[in-house]
Amino acid sequence: MQAVILAGGNAAQLHPWNTGIPKPLVPFFDRPVTEYAIRLLARHGVQDIIITTSYLAKDVARYFGDGSRWGVGIRYSIENEPMGTAGAVKLVGGMISDTFVVVSGDIITDFDISAALETHKSAGSIATILLAEADDPTQFGIVDCEESGTVSRLVEKPRCTEAFTNTVSTGIYILEVEALSSIPYNEAQDFARHTFPRLIRNREPVQGLRLPGYWCDIGDLPQYRNAHFDALRGKIRLDLPAVYAGEGIWVGDEVDIHPSVQLSSPIYIGSQASIGRNAVLGEYTVVGANARIDEGACVARSVIGGGACVGKEMKVADCVIGGRYTVIESEDGRDRPPVPPKHIRRIPPPVSLESEFALKE
């Protein structure tokens, strides 16, 4: 089985927090977000993966290599100019021999890809679009389906007045090779704007499929932060690089936690992180690998990037702090944001945040 991971963007909506980080390498619980897609595909028997990329492509290839770490083979397609989601897949058409999966590289999901493939085959579709519900459908492609599941209409990022449903495309597709013939060569094309509407107009069998499970596009900071919180709440099971210590606490290797530290679950502390004397980690705190929370500091409902530092007596809440940046006190006694200042982003807390957590079996 083959898959194409679309990872050509530069995560513009996460700038300036992640300046210089290509989209596939944006960290999520101390692993690049695209690694979770690779792990998911590998669990469902996908062994041949093509990653399409452009921005800092060498960094992407250097990290993922040939894929042997995950028991898969990885090849790369590097775009010299943006070709869109469908155009990028068209470029690798010569590498694809049978039914294949397309996955956006900046999503977190635990969908049953095997079940999706089985449904796609039994329906005899040329394309299957995996669907989900979104609170704000204007940020995605909205999809209208008939009772049979056949897609009748798809509108990419509609205006509020044009949103006829909150059912959206997840950026995960199952395609037959024949679908590639509807994509022009050497032309920027998008699945939602061009390819799927064209297939629908031509009365090709395009299906929409809802599956149980979790899905989140982490393309902006609130969603990025909330996806961390959802994982801590047990809404999705991920293979985190840490040990579950019980009571909603995940701890990585060689962590230094002073005995006086106050911990409120659920929290995650990455490998080789350091938590100083009398520090307080409130609920929904994610501390990245090699990060440091100094003496008396207080952190809650925040994601602290790998290698970052929250200085002595500092208070951080509802924030995302980029890796390797420091929050310290200025000479006038006010909290000084990291340098450059834009690398700390304060985000309103989720409306329905709950302190309870439950691991999925």
Foldseek 3Di string as FASTA:
>chain_A
DEEEEEQAQQLVQAPPQPPPDGQQQDDALQGRQLVQVVLLCVVQPHAEYEYEYEVPVVVVCVVCPQVVVNNHGYHYHYDPDAQAPLQSVLVCLVVDDWKYKYAYSQKDKNFNVNVVVVVCVVVVAQKEFEKDFDPDQLQAKAFDADPVQFTQDIHGNDDPVPDPGRIGGQRMMIHTSVLSVQPDHPHRDYCRPGSVVVCNVVVGGYGYDYTDIDMFRPSHPVRSLVVLLCCLQQSHDDPRQFDCPDPQDTEHAPEAEDPQEAEADNEYAYACEYEEHNEYEHYSEYHHALEYEYALEYEYSEYEEHCEYEDHNHYYYQKYAHHNWYWDADPVRHIDATVVNVNIDHDDHDPPDDSHHDHDD
